[in-house]
Amino acid sequence: MAMRTGATRLPLKHLMENSPRIPFRYFSDKGRVLSEEEQAIENVYIVKMERERLEKLKKKLAAAEAEKDKDKSASKV
């Protein structure tokens, strides 16, 4: 997947210190500028993917804790 912002070549610290009002332009994979609607759709997709990733991590953590508790209780007996 291609980079999404036009200002990614400069370090973020440099961008923040020298020019606080840099407009970010979002680009598609083909290089054209995304419309506001397309940006909104992409942001919703990103949030959805992050939420699914976090849910998966929570399930994995819960399963690991359950197995740890199971092993702990088995060792006591």
N, C-alpha and C. Protein backbone atom coordinates (compact mmCIF):
# COMPACT_ATOMS: atom_id res chain seq x y z
N MET A 1 0.85 -1.17 0.00
CA MET A 1 0.00 0.00 0.00
C MET A 1 0.90 1.23 0.00
N ALA A 2 0.52 2.21 -0.72
CA ALA A 2 1.32 3.42 -0.87
C ALA A 2 1.16 4.33 0.35
N MET A 3 2.07 5.26 0.49
CA MET A 3 1.99 6.23 1.57
C MET A 3 0.76 7.11 1.36
N ARG A 4 0.16 7.54 2.43
CA ARG A 4 -1.10 8.26 2.34
C ARG A 4 -0.98 9.77 2.42
N THR A 5 0.10 10.29 2.92
CA THR A 5 0.20 11.74 3.04
C THR A 5 1.34 12.26 2.20
N GLY A 6 1.20 13.47 1.74
CA GLY A 6 2.22 14.07 0.93
C GLY A 6 3.38 14.63 1.74
N ALA A 7 3.20 14.78 3.03
CA ALA A 7 4.22 15.38 3.88
C ALA A 7 5.01 14.33 4.65
N THR A 8 5.09 13.11 4.16
CA THR A 8 5.76 12.06 4.91
C THR A 8 7.26 12.03 4.70
N ARG A 9 7.79 12.76 3.77
CA ARG A 9 9.23 12.74 3.51
C ARG A 9 10.02 13.53 4.54
N LEU A 10 9.41 14.52 5.16
CA LEU A 10 10.08 15.33 6.15
C LEU A 10 9.84 14.74 7.53
N PRO A 11 10.82 14.83 8.42
CA PRO A 11 10.60 14.34 9.79
C PRO A 11 9.46 15.09 10.46
N LEU A 12 8.71 14.39 11.27
CA LEU A 12 7.55 14.98 11.94
C LEU A 12 7.96 16.14 12.84
N LYS A 13 9.07 16.02 13.53
CA LYS A 13 9.52 17.09 14.41
C LYS A 13 9.78 18.36 13.61
N HIS A 14 10.40 18.21 12.45
CA HIS A 14 10.69 19.35 11.59
C HIS A 14 9.38 20.00 11.13
N LEU A 15 8.41 19.20 10.79
CA LEU A 15 7.12 19.72 10.34
C LEU A 15 6.44 20.51 11.44
N MET A 16 6.49 20.00 12.66
CA MET A 16 5.78 20.64 13.76
C MET A 16 6.46 21.94 14.18
N GLU A 17 7.78 21.98 14.15
CA GLU A 17 8.49 23.17 14.62
C GLU A 17 8.43 24.32 13.62
N ASN A 18 8.64 24.03 12.36
CA ASN A 18 8.82 25.08 11.37
C ASN A 18 7.54 25.56 10.70
N SER A 19 6.57 24.73 10.58
CA SER A 19 5.35 25.15 9.90
C SER A 19 4.15 24.43 10.51
N PRO A 20 3.51 25.05 11.49
CA PRO A 20 2.43 24.39 12.20
C PRO A 20 1.15 24.22 11.38
N ARG A 21 1.04 24.87 10.24
CA ARG A 21 -0.21 24.78 9.48
C ARG A 21 0.01 24.12 8.12
N ILE A 22 0.65 23.00 8.11
CA ILE A 22 0.85 22.27 6.85
C ILE A 22 -0.42 21.50 6.53
N PRO A 23 -1.00 21.76 5.39
CA PRO A 23 -2.19 20.98 5.02
C PRO A 23 -1.77 19.58 4.56
N PHE A 24 -2.38 18.58 5.13
CA PHE A 24 -2.09 17.22 4.71
C PHE A 24 -2.99 16.86 3.55
N ARG A 25 -2.40 16.27 2.54
CA ARG A 25 -3.15 15.83 1.37
C ARG A 25 -3.06 14.32 1.33
N TYR A 26 -4.19 13.68 1.31
CA TYR A 26 -4.24 12.24 1.29
C TYR A 26 -4.27 11.76 -0.16
N PHE A 27 -3.45 10.75 -0.45
CA PHE A 27 -3.35 10.22 -1.80
C PHE A 27 -3.81 8.77 -1.82
N SER A 28 -4.40 8.37 -2.93
CA SER A 28 -4.76 6.98 -3.12
C SER A 28 -3.52 6.22 -3.56
N ASP A 29 -3.66 4.91 -3.78
CA ASP A 29 -2.54 4.11 -4.24
C ASP A 29 -2.08 4.54 -5.63
N LYS A 30 -2.97 5.14 -6.38
CA LYS A 30 -2.64 5.54 -7.75
C LYS A 30 -2.11 6.97 -7.82
N GLY A 31 -1.99 7.66 -6.70
CA GLY A 31 -1.39 8.97 -6.66
C GLY A 31 -2.35 10.14 -6.73
N ARG A 32 -3.64 9.89 -6.87
CA ARG A 32 -4.57 11.01 -6.93
C ARG A 32 -5.00 11.40 -5.52
N VAL A 33 -5.41 12.63 -5.36
CA VAL A 33 -5.83 13.14 -4.05
C VAL A 33 -7.21 12.58 -3.73
N LEU A 34 -7.37 12.09 -2.50
CA LEU A 34 -8.66 11.53 -2.08
C LEU A 34 -9.63 12.65 -1.71
N SER A 35 -10.89 12.43 -2.02
CA SER A 35 -11.92 13.39 -1.63
C SER A 35 -12.21 13.22 -0.13
N GLU A 36 -12.96 14.16 0.44
CA GLU A 36 -13.30 14.07 1.86
C GLU A 36 -14.08 12.80 2.16
N GLU A 37 -14.97 12.44 1.26
CA GLU A 37 -15.77 11.23 1.46
C GLU A 37 -14.88 9.99 1.46
N GLU A 38 -13.93 9.94 0.54
CA GLU A 38 -13.01 8.81 0.48
C GLU A 38 -12.11 8.76 1.72
N GLN A 39 -11.70 9.92 2.19
CA GLN A 39 -10.90 9.98 3.42
C GLN A 39 -11.70 9.45 4.60
N ALA A 40 -12.98 9.85 4.66
CA ALA A 40 -13.84 9.39 5.76
C ALA A 40 -14.02 7.88 5.71
N ILE A 41 -14.23 7.34 4.52
CA ILE A 41 -14.38 5.90 4.36
C ILE A 41 -13.10 5.18 4.79
N GLU A 42 -11.97 5.72 4.39
CA GLU A 42 -10.69 5.11 4.76
C GLU A 42 -10.48 5.18 6.27
N ASN A 43 -10.83 6.30 6.89
CA ASN A 43 -10.67 6.43 8.34
C ASN A 43 -11.56 5.43 9.08
N VAL A 44 -12.79 5.23 8.61
CA VAL A 44 -13.69 4.25 9.22
C VAL A 44 -13.09 2.86 9.10
N TYR A 45 -12.54 2.55 7.93
CA TYR A 45 -11.92 1.24 7.71
C TYR A 45 -10.74 1.04 8.66
N ILE A 46 -9.91 2.06 8.81
CA ILE A 46 -8.74 1.95 9.69
C ILE A 46 -9.18 1.73 11.13
N VAL A 47 -10.18 2.47 11.58
CA VAL A 47 -10.68 2.31 12.95
C VAL A 47 -11.24 0.90 13.14
N LYS A 48 -11.96 0.40 12.16
CA LYS A 48 -12.53 -0.94 12.23
C LYS A 48 -11.42 -1.99 12.34
N MET A 49 -10.38 -1.85 11.53
CA MET A 49 -9.27 -2.81 11.56
C MET A 49 -8.54 -2.75 12.90
N GLU A 50 -8.34 -1.56 13.44
CA GLU A 50 -7.69 -1.42 14.74
C GLU A 50 -8.53 -2.06 15.83
N ARG A 51 -9.84 -1.84 15.78
CA ARG A 51 -10.75 -2.43 16.78
C ARG A 51 -10.70 -3.95 16.72
N GLU A 52 -10.72 -4.52 15.49
CA GLU A 52 -10.65 -5.97 15.34
C GLU A 52 -9.32 -6.52 15.85
N ARG A 53 -8.24 -5.79 15.58
CA ARG A 53 -6.92 -6.22 16.04
C ARG A 53 -6.86 -6.22 17.57
N LEU A 54 -7.43 -5.19 18.20
CA LEU A 54 -7.44 -5.13 19.66
C LEU A 54 -8.30 -6.22 20.27
N GLU A 55 -9.45 -6.51 19.65
CA GLU A 55 -10.30 -7.59 20.14
C GLU A 55 -9.58 -8.93 20.05
N LYS A 56 -8.86 -9.14 18.96
CA LYS A 56 -8.11 -10.38 18.79
C LYS A 56 -7.03 -10.50 19.86
N LEU A 57 -6.34 -9.39 20.15
CA LEU A 57 -5.32 -9.42 21.20
C LEU A 57 -5.93 -9.70 22.57
N LYS A 58 -7.11 -9.11 22.84
CA LYS A 58 -7.78 -9.34 24.12
C LYS A 58 -8.15 -10.81 24.27
N LYS A 59 -8.68 -11.41 23.20
CA LYS A 59 -9.03 -12.83 23.25
C LYS A 59 -7.80 -13.70 23.49
N LYS A 60 -6.71 -13.35 22.81
CA LYS A 60 -5.47 -14.11 22.96
C LYS A 60 -4.95 -13.99 24.39
N LEU A 61 -5.00 -12.79 24.95
CA LEU A 61 -4.56 -12.56 26.32
C LEU A 61 -5.44 -13.32 27.31
N ALA A 62 -6.74 -13.28 27.10
CA ALA A 62 -7.66 -13.99 27.99
C ALA A 62 -7.41 -15.50 27.93
N ALA A 63 -7.15 -16.03 26.74
CA ALA A 63 -6.88 -17.45 26.61
C ALA A 63 -5.57 -17.81 27.31
N ALA A 64 -4.57 -16.95 27.18
CA ALA A 64 -3.29 -17.21 27.84
C ALA A 64 -3.44 -17.18 29.36
N GLU A 65 -4.22 -16.23 29.87
CA GLU A 65 -4.44 -16.15 31.32
C GLU A 65 -5.23 -17.36 31.82
N ALA A 66 -6.21 -17.79 31.03
CA ALA A 66 -6.99 -18.96 31.43
C ALA A 66 -6.11 -20.20 31.47
N GLU A 67 -5.23 -20.34 30.50
CA GLU A 67 -4.33 -21.50 30.49
C GLU A 67 -3.35 -21.42 31.65
N LYS A 68 -2.89 -20.22 31.98
CA LYS A 68 -1.97 -20.03 33.10
C LYS A 68 -2.66 -20.42 34.41
N ASP A 69 -3.91 -19.98 34.57
CA ASP A 69 -4.66 -20.32 35.78
C ASP A 69 -4.92 -21.83 35.85
N LYS A 70 -5.18 -22.43 34.71
CA LYS A 70 -5.43 -23.88 34.64
C LYS A 70 -4.17 -24.63 35.05
N ASP A 71 -3.03 -24.20 34.53
CA ASP A 71 -1.77 -24.85 34.89
C ASP A 71 -1.45 -24.65 36.37
N LYS A 72 -1.76 -23.48 36.88
CA LYS A 72 -1.49 -23.17 38.28
C LYS A 72 -2.34 -24.04 39.19
N SER A 73 -3.63 -24.20 38.85
CA SER A 73 -4.53 -25.03 39.67
C SER A 73 -4.17 -26.51 39.55
N ALA A 74 -3.68 -26.94 38.40
CA ALA A 74 -3.29 -28.34 38.22
C ALA A 74 -2.04 -28.65 39.02
N SER A 75 -1.15 -27.70 39.18
CA SER A 75 0.08 -27.93 39.93
C SER A 75 -0.18 -27.98 41.43
N LYS A 76 -1.24 -27.35 41.90
CA LYS A 76 -1.58 -27.37 43.32
C LYS A 76 -2.11 -28.74 43.75
N VAL A 77 -2.76 -29.43 42.85
CA VAL A 77 -3.38 -30.72 43.19
C VAL A 77 -2.39 -31.78 43.27
